[in-house]
Amino acid sequence: MALASRLLSRSRQIVLRQEHGVPVRCFAKEAAPPVLKGDEMLRNIFVEVKSKFETALGILRKEKITIDPDDAAAVTQYAKVMKTIREKADLFSESQRIQYTIQTRTKDIPDARTYLLTLKEIRVKRGLTDELGAEAMMIDALEKVEKEIKQPLMRLGVRKEDLPKYEEALEHKIAQAQLEELKKDALEAMETQKKREEFKDEKMIDVKSLDIRNFI
C-alpha cells in the first residue's frame, strides 16, 4: 500500500509539474478575454486543471512505463508518454518553458557576451548542467573573435533548424531524471514496507518489473 501511494504521488507530481509556472499564452490577433469575477475565474481554472489532470491520468493508465533510467529504450518510451500527455492535455514542456524564459530575458540584449552570460544564469537557475563544457568553449571563442575585431561581438543566434534537436535532447535528459526519481521513491517505499513485521521475510522485487498502471 505504501509503494502504491508513493508511486501515485510521484506520477501526479510529474504530471502537475508540467502545468506549474507555465506562462500565459498571448496572441496578438486574438481579442482580449472577458473580465471574470473572482469566483468565476477560480471555478474556470479548477475545471481546466481538473480536465488536464484527468486527461493525463487517462494516458498513464494505458501506457506501459518501465522504471529503468539506465535503459535508453525505457527512457525514450517514458519521454514519449510525457510528450503525449503534454500534447493531449495542452501542457508546456520544460524545454518550451525554458525557451520562453530565454526569449523573454534576452530579447533586448544586443551583444553576444551578455547573451551568453544570461543563458548561463538561466541554465544554473533551472538546475541544468553543461556536461560538454559548451559555455566555456563559446566564451573562449567569443574572446578570440572580439580580440580580432577589437570590439564587442553583436548577438549570435541558434539556427532555427537546430532547435528540435536541442529540445529532444533536453526532454530525454528530463525523462531520465524523472525515472531516477520514480526509482528512488519506489526503493524507499519498499524499504519502508520491509521494516514492517508482516513483510520482513519478503524479497524485494526489481523496480523494473513494476507496472505503474496498477497503482493509478
C-alpha atoms as a PDB file:
ATOM      1  CA  MET A   1       0.000   0.000   0.000  1.00  0.00           C
ATOM      2  CA  ALA A   2       2.890   2.361   0.828  1.00  0.00           C
ATOM      3  CA  LEU A   3       4.509   1.664  -2.533  1.00  0.00           C
ATOM      4  CA  ALA A   4       1.266   2.329  -4.390  1.00  0.00           C
ATOM      5  CA  SER A   5       0.820   5.613  -2.552  1.00  0.00           C
ATOM      6  CA  ARG A   6       4.365   6.785  -3.304  1.00  0.00           C
ATOM      7  CA  LEU A   7       4.213   5.859  -6.987  1.00  0.00           C
ATOM      8  CA  LEU A   8       0.830   7.505  -7.449  1.00  0.00           C
ATOM      9  CA  SER A   9       2.031  10.612  -5.634  1.00  0.00           C
ATOM     10  CA  ARG A  10       5.142  10.816  -7.820  1.00  0.00           C
ATOM     11  CA  SER A  11       3.122  10.291 -11.009  1.00  0.00           C
ATOM     12  CA  ARG A  12       0.780  13.111 -10.034  1.00  0.00           C
ATOM     13  CA  GLN A  13       3.691  15.414  -9.221  1.00  0.00           C
ATOM     14  CA  ILE A  14       5.264  14.762 -12.604  1.00  0.00           C
ATOM     15  CA  VAL A  15       2.002  15.477 -14.411  1.00  0.00           C
ATOM     16  CA  LEU A  16       1.167  18.593 -12.417  1.00  0.00           C
ATOM     17  CA  ARG A  17       4.726  19.887 -12.677  1.00  0.00           C
ATOM     18  CA  GLN A  18       4.190  20.260 -16.411  1.00  0.00           C
ATOM     19  CA  GLU A  19       1.492  22.852 -15.692  1.00  0.00           C
ATOM     20  CA  HIS A  20       3.276  24.663 -12.855  1.00  0.00           C
ATOM     21  CA  GLY A  21       4.688  28.068 -13.714  1.00  0.00           C
ATOM     22  CA  VAL A  22       3.528  27.976 -17.330  1.00  0.00           C
ATOM     23  CA  PRO A  23       3.470  31.475 -18.855  1.00  0.00           C
ATOM     24  CA  VAL A  24       0.200  32.773 -20.210  1.00  0.00           C
ATOM     25  CA  ARG A  25      -0.010  32.337 -23.959  1.00  0.00           C
ATOM     26  CA  CYS A  26      -0.540  35.631 -25.747  1.00  0.00           C
ATOM     27  CA  PHE A  27      -1.609  36.003 -29.371  1.00  0.00           C
ATOM     28  CA  ALA A  28      -1.633  39.489 -30.826  1.00  0.00           C
ATOM     29  CA  LYS A  29      -4.537  38.838 -33.194  1.00  0.00           C
ATOM     30  CA  GLU A  30      -6.834  37.395 -30.532  1.00  0.00           C
ATOM     31  CA  ALA A  31      -9.292  39.624 -28.716  1.00  0.00           C
ATOM     32  CA  ALA A  32      -8.685  40.242 -25.013  1.00  0.00           C
ATOM     33  CA  PRO A  33     -10.504  37.680 -22.812  1.00  0.00           C
ATOM     34  CA  PRO A  34     -13.573  38.936 -20.934  1.00  0.00           C
ATOM     35  CA  VAL A  35     -13.023  40.116 -17.379  1.00  0.00           C
ATOM     36  CA  LEU A  36     -14.265  37.476 -14.931  1.00  0.00           C
ATOM     37  CA  LYS A  37     -15.290  37.785 -11.292  1.00  0.00           C
ATOM     38  CA  GLY A  38     -13.051  36.118  -8.727  1.00  0.00           C
ATOM     39  CA  ASP A  39     -15.267  33.094  -8.035  1.00  0.00           C
ATOM     40  CA  GLU A  40     -15.936  32.501 -11.712  1.00  0.00           C
ATOM     41  CA  MET A  41     -12.248  32.743 -12.555  1.00  0.00           C
ATOM     42  CA  LEU A  42     -11.295  30.262  -9.825  1.00  0.00           C
ATOM     43  CA  ARG A  43     -14.017  27.871 -10.965  1.00  0.00           C
ATOM     44  CA  ASN A  44     -12.835  28.033 -14.569  1.00  0.00           C
ATOM     45  CA  ILE A  45      -9.217  27.415 -13.500  1.00  0.00           C
ATOM     46  CA  PHE A  46     -10.277  24.451 -11.371  1.00  0.00           C
ATOM     47  CA  VAL A  47     -12.309  22.925 -14.209  1.00  0.00           C
ATOM     48  CA  GLU A  48      -9.429  23.385 -16.675  1.00  0.00           C
ATOM     49  CA  VAL A  49      -6.790  21.884 -14.347  1.00  0.00           C
ATOM     50  CA  LYS A  50      -9.131  19.002 -13.455  1.00  0.00           C
ATOM     51  CA  SER A  51      -9.710  18.285 -17.139  1.00  0.00           C
ATOM     52  CA  LYS A  52      -5.970  18.340 -17.921  1.00  0.00           C
ATOM     53  CA  PHE A  53      -5.209  16.101 -14.939  1.00  0.00           C
ATOM     54  CA  GLU A  54      -7.873  13.562 -15.914  1.00  0.00           C
ATOM     55  CA  THR A  55      -6.551  13.534 -19.481  1.00  0.00           C
ATOM     56  CA  ALA A  56      -3.020  12.915 -18.191  1.00  0.00           C
ATOM     57  CA  LEU A  57      -4.091  10.118 -15.847  1.00  0.00           C
ATOM     58  CA  GLY A  58      -6.108   8.532 -18.652  1.00  0.00           C
ATOM     59  CA  ILE A  59      -2.935   8.266 -20.745  1.00  0.00           C
ATOM     60  CA  LEU A  60      -0.861   6.982 -17.799  1.00  0.00           C
ATOM     61  CA  ARG A  61      -3.428   4.223 -17.232  1.00  0.00           C
ATOM     62  CA  LYS A  62      -2.931   2.982 -20.798  1.00  0.00           C
ATOM     63  CA  GLU A  63       0.794   3.386 -21.429  1.00  0.00           C
ATOM     64  CA  LYS A  64       3.427   0.995 -20.032  1.00  0.00           C
ATOM     65  CA  ILE A  65       6.253   2.757 -18.196  1.00  0.00           C
ATOM     66  CA  THR A  66       9.369   0.803 -17.208  1.00  0.00           C
ATOM     67  CA  ILE A  67      11.143   2.305 -14.188  1.00  0.00           C
ATOM     68  CA  ASP A  68      14.657   1.860 -15.523  1.00  0.00           C
ATOM     69  CA  PRO A  69      16.579   5.128 -16.018  1.00  0.00           C
ATOM     70  CA  ASP A  70      19.614   3.160 -17.218  1.00  0.00           C
ATOM     71  CA  ASP A  71      17.725   1.656 -20.171  1.00  0.00           C
ATOM     72  CA  ALA A  72      17.731   4.025 -23.158  1.00  0.00           C
ATOM     73  CA  ALA A  73      14.604   2.385 -24.601  1.00  0.00           C
ATOM     74  CA  ALA A  74      12.736   2.817 -21.297  1.00  0.00           C
ATOM     75  CA  VAL A  75      13.756   6.483 -21.112  1.00  0.00           C
ATOM     76  CA  THR A  76      12.685   7.064 -24.708  1.00  0.00           C
ATOM     77  CA  GLN A  77       9.315   5.419 -24.059  1.00  0.00           C
ATOM     78  CA  TYR A  78       8.782   7.477 -20.901  1.00  0.00           C
ATOM     79  CA  ALA A  79       9.669  10.694 -22.770  1.00  0.00           C
ATOM     80  CA  LYS A  80       7.191   9.669 -25.483  1.00  0.00           C
ATOM     81  CA  VAL A  81       4.426   9.145 -22.904  1.00  0.00           C
ATOM     82  CA  MET A  82       5.119  12.539 -21.317  1.00  0.00           C
ATOM     83  CA  LYS A  83       5.060  14.184 -24.746  1.00  0.00           C
ATOM     84  CA  THR A  84       1.691  12.544 -25.478  1.00  0.00           C
ATOM     85  CA  ILE A  85       0.379  13.859 -22.146  1.00  0.00           C
ATOM     86  CA  ARG A  86       1.553  17.386 -22.945  1.00  0.00           C
ATOM     87  CA  GLU A  87       0.004  17.306 -26.410  1.00  0.00           C
ATOM     88  CA  LYS A  88      -3.333  15.806 -25.337  1.00  0.00           C
ATOM     89  CA  ALA A  89      -3.647  17.922 -22.169  1.00  0.00           C
ATOM     90  CA  ASP A  90      -2.250  21.066 -23.860  1.00  0.00           C
ATOM     91  CA  LEU A  91       0.690  21.500 -21.472  1.00  0.00           C
ATOM     92  CA  PHE A  92       4.034  23.179 -21.964  1.00  0.00           C
ATOM     93  CA  SER A  93       7.176  21.046 -21.944  1.00  0.00           C
ATOM     94  CA  GLU A  94      10.203  22.013 -19.843  1.00  0.00           C
ATOM     95  CA  SER A  95      12.121  22.949 -22.981  1.00  0.00           C
ATOM     96  CA  GLN A  96       9.237  25.187 -24.103  1.00  0.00           C
ATOM     97  CA  ARG A  97       9.233  26.952 -20.737  1.00  0.00           C
ATOM     98  CA  ILE A  98      12.996  27.409 -20.937  1.00  0.00           C
ATOM     99  CA  GLN A  99      12.662  28.704 -24.484  1.00  0.00           C
ATOM    100  CA  TYR A 100      10.010  31.189 -23.320  1.00  0.00           C
ATOM    101  CA  THR A 101      12.293  32.320 -20.473  1.00  0.00           C
ATOM    102  CA  ILE A 102      15.217  32.755 -22.863  1.00  0.00           C
ATOM    103  CA  GLN A 103      13.147  34.748 -25.343  1.00  0.00           C
ATOM    104  CA  THR A 104      11.787  36.991 -22.590  1.00  0.00           C
ATOM    105  CA  ARG A 105      15.101  37.555 -20.805  1.00  0.00           C
ATOM    106  CA  THR A 106      17.278  38.063 -23.892  1.00  0.00           C
ATOM    107  CA  LYS A 107      15.052  39.849 -26.401  1.00  0.00           C
ATOM    108  CA  ASP A 108      16.641  43.262 -25.702  1.00  0.00           C
ATOM    109  CA  ILE A 109      20.246  42.082 -25.299  1.00  0.00           C
ATOM    110  CA  PRO A 110      22.359  43.395 -28.201  1.00  0.00           C
ATOM    111  CA  ASP A 111      25.777  41.810 -27.567  1.00  0.00           C
ATOM    112  CA  ALA A 112      26.872  38.179 -27.588  1.00  0.00           C
ATOM    113  CA  ARG A 113      28.726  38.246 -24.247  1.00  0.00           C
ATOM    114  CA  THR A 114      25.724  39.423 -22.192  1.00  0.00           C
ATOM    115  CA  TYR A 115      23.544  36.996 -24.112  1.00  0.00           C
ATOM    116  CA  LEU A 116      25.778  34.018 -23.270  1.00  0.00           C
ATOM    117  CA  LEU A 117      26.094  35.042 -19.603  1.00  0.00           C
ATOM    118  CA  THR A 118      22.298  35.356 -19.376  1.00  0.00           C
ATOM    119  CA  LEU A 119      21.886  31.878 -20.877  1.00  0.00           C
ATOM    120  CA  LYS A 120      24.302  30.556 -18.240  1.00  0.00           C
ATOM    121  CA  GLU A 121      22.299  32.231 -15.468  1.00  0.00           C
ATOM    122  CA  ILE A 122      19.068  30.684 -16.770  1.00  0.00           C
ATOM    123  CA  ARG A 123      20.725  27.249 -17.003  1.00  0.00           C
ATOM    124  CA  VAL A 124      22.041  27.428 -13.427  1.00  0.00           C
ATOM    125  CA  LYS A 125      18.687  28.567 -12.018  1.00  0.00           C
ATOM    126  CA  ARG A 126      16.964  25.694 -13.849  1.00  0.00           C
ATOM    127  CA  GLY A 127      19.400  23.228 -12.330  1.00  0.00           C
ATOM    128  CA  LEU A 128      20.745  22.110 -15.714  1.00  0.00           C
ATOM    129  CA  THR A 129      24.352  21.012 -16.189  1.00  0.00           C
ATOM    130  CA  ASP A 130      26.681  21.883 -19.047  1.00  0.00           C
ATOM    131  CA  GLU A 131      28.167  18.401 -19.380  1.00  0.00           C
ATOM    132  CA  LEU A 132      30.048  19.142 -22.603  1.00  0.00           C
ATOM    133  CA  GLY A 133      31.516  22.430 -21.382  1.00  0.00           C
ATOM    134  CA  ALA A 134      29.859  24.236 -24.297  1.00  0.00           C
ATOM    135  CA  GLU A 135      29.566  27.510 -22.377  1.00  0.00           C
ATOM    136  CA  ALA A 136      33.291  27.728 -21.685  1.00  0.00           C
ATOM    137  CA  MET A 137      34.061  26.925 -25.326  1.00  0.00           C
ATOM    138  CA  MET A 138      31.667  29.600 -26.573  1.00  0.00           C
ATOM    139  CA  ILE A 139      33.065  32.233 -24.205  1.00  0.00           C
ATOM    140  CA  ASP A 140      36.606  31.276 -25.262  1.00  0.00           C
ATOM    141  CA  ALA A 141      35.640  31.552 -28.938  1.00  0.00           C
ATOM    142  CA  LEU A 142      33.902  34.867 -28.253  1.00  0.00           C
ATOM    143  CA  GLU A 143      37.003  36.305 -26.607  1.00  0.00           C
ATOM    144  CA  LYS A 144      39.152  35.322 -29.583  1.00  0.00           C
ATOM    145  CA  VAL A 145      36.723  36.919 -32.054  1.00  0.00           C
ATOM    146  CA  GLU A 146      36.391  40.115 -30.017  1.00  0.00           C
ATOM    147  CA  LYS A 147      40.175  40.325 -29.731  1.00  0.00           C
ATOM    148  CA  GLU A 148      40.416  40.107 -33.512  1.00  0.00           C
ATOM    149  CA  ILE A 149      37.702  42.629 -34.319  1.00  0.00           C
ATOM    150  CA  LYS A 150      38.672  44.844 -31.345  1.00  0.00           C
ATOM    151  CA  GLN A 151      35.050  45.467 -30.382  1.00  0.00           C
ATOM    152  CA  PRO A 152      32.124  43.647 -28.729  1.00  0.00           C
ATOM    153  CA  LEU A 153      30.542  40.989 -30.900  1.00  0.00           C
ATOM    154  CA  MET A 154      26.883  41.508 -31.532  1.00  0.00           C
ATOM    155  CA  ARG A 155      24.434  38.828 -30.505  1.00  0.00           C
ATOM    156  CA  LEU A 156      24.582  35.360 -32.050  1.00  0.00           C
ATOM    157  CA  GLY A 157      21.581  33.114 -32.519  1.00  0.00           C
ATOM    158  CA  VAL A 158      20.845  29.401 -32.711  1.00  0.00           C
ATOM    159  CA  ARG A 159      19.818  28.148 -36.137  1.00  0.00           C
ATOM    160  CA  LYS A 160      16.080  27.513 -36.212  1.00  0.00           C
ATOM    161  CA  GLU A 161      16.568  24.091 -37.820  1.00  0.00           C
ATOM    162  CA  ASP A 162      18.720  23.015 -34.839  1.00  0.00           C
ATOM    163  CA  LEU A 163      16.061  23.745 -32.196  1.00  0.00           C
ATOM    164  CA  PRO A 164      14.173  20.385 -32.465  1.00  0.00           C
ATOM    165  CA  LYS A 165      17.461  18.520 -31.907  1.00  0.00           C
ATOM    166  CA  TYR A 166      18.241  20.509 -28.745  1.00  0.00           C
ATOM    167  CA  GLU A 167      14.657  20.174 -27.500  1.00  0.00           C
ATOM    168  CA  GLU A 168      14.654  16.403 -27.990  1.00  0.00           C
ATOM    169  CA  ALA A 169      17.980  16.030 -26.160  1.00  0.00           C
ATOM    170  CA  LEU A 170      16.709  18.119 -23.241  1.00  0.00           C
ATOM    171  CA  GLU A 171      13.426  16.199 -22.989  1.00  0.00           C
ATOM    172  CA  HIS A 172      15.373  12.917 -22.950  1.00  0.00           C
ATOM    173  CA  LYS A 173      17.515  14.145 -20.041  1.00  0.00           C
ATOM    174  CA  ILE A 174      14.438  15.319 -18.149  1.00  0.00           C
ATOM    175  CA  ALA A 175      12.713  11.965 -18.723  1.00  0.00           C
ATOM    176  CA  GLN A 176      15.763  10.115 -17.404  1.00  0.00           C
ATOM    177  CA  ALA A 177      15.888  12.332 -14.298  1.00  0.00           C
ATOM    178  CA  GLN A 178      12.186  11.750 -13.621  1.00  0.00           C
ATOM    179  CA  LEU A 179      12.633   7.985 -13.939  1.00  0.00           C
ATOM    180  CA  GLU A 180      15.501   8.272 -11.451  1.00  0.00           C
ATOM    181  CA  GLU A 181      13.082   9.976  -9.043  1.00  0.00           C
ATOM    182  CA  LEU A 182      10.467   7.259  -9.548  1.00  0.00           C
ATOM    183  CA  LYS A 183      13.064   4.549  -8.987  1.00  0.00           C
ATOM    184  CA  LYS A 184      14.319   6.236  -5.819  1.00  0.00           C
ATOM    185  CA  ASP A 185      10.782   6.624  -4.443  1.00  0.00           C
ATOM    186  CA  ALA A 186       9.910   3.020  -5.273  1.00  0.00           C
ATOM    187  CA  LEU A 187      13.023   1.695  -3.500  1.00  0.00           C
ATOM    188  CA  GLU A 188      12.394   3.903  -0.463  1.00  0.00           C
ATOM    189  CA  ALA A 189       8.766   2.748  -0.286  1.00  0.00           C
ATOM    190  CA  MET A 190       9.798  -0.909  -0.462  1.00  0.00           C
ATOM    191  CA  GLU A 191      12.475  -0.410   2.201  1.00  0.00           C
ATOM    192  CA  THR A 192       9.886   1.197   4.476  1.00  0.00           C
ATOM    193  CA  GLN A 193       7.441  -1.636   3.870  1.00  0.00           C
ATOM    194  CA  LYS A 194      10.096  -4.288   4.508  1.00  0.00           C
ATOM    195  CA  LYS A 195      10.624  -2.907   8.026  1.00  0.00           C
ATOM    196  CA  ARG A 196       7.088  -3.902   8.955  1.00  0.00           C
ATOM    197  CA  GLU A 197       6.830  -7.236  10.740  1.00  0.00           C
ATOM    198  CA  GLU A 198       4.495  -8.859   8.211  1.00  0.00           C
ATOM    199  CA  PHE A 199       6.822  -8.081   5.271  1.00  0.00           C
ATOM    200  CA  LYS A 200      10.268  -8.646   6.830  1.00  0.00           C
ATOM    201  CA  ASP A 201      10.725 -12.074   5.191  1.00  0.00           C
ATOM    202  CA  GLU A 202       9.578 -10.975   1.738  1.00  0.00           C
ATOM    203  CA  LYS A 203      12.141 -10.494  -1.005  1.00  0.00           C
ATOM    204  CA  MET A 204      12.343  -7.025  -2.548  1.00  0.00           C
ATOM    205  CA  ILE A 205      11.198  -7.013  -6.154  1.00  0.00           C
ATOM    206  CA  ASP A 206      13.019  -5.365  -9.042  1.00  0.00           C
ATOM    207  CA  VAL A 207      11.515  -1.914  -9.651  1.00  0.00           C
ATOM    208  CA  LYS A 208      11.774  -2.569 -13.400  1.00  0.00           C
ATOM    209  CA  SER A 209       9.061  -5.195 -13.043  1.00  0.00           C
ATOM    210  CA  LEU A 210       6.567  -2.742 -11.529  1.00  0.00           C
ATOM    211  CA  ASP A 211       3.675  -1.513 -13.638  1.00  0.00           C
ATOM    212  CA  ILE A 212       2.619   2.000 -12.630  1.00  0.00           C
ATOM    213  CA  ARG A 213      -0.758   1.399 -14.256  1.00  0.00           C
ATOM    214  CA  ASN A 214      -1.597  -0.929 -11.355  1.00  0.00           C
ATOM    215  CA  PHE A 215      -1.199   1.950  -8.893  1.00  0.00           C
ATOM    216  CA  ILE A 216      -3.319   4.595 -10.625  1.00  0.00           C
END
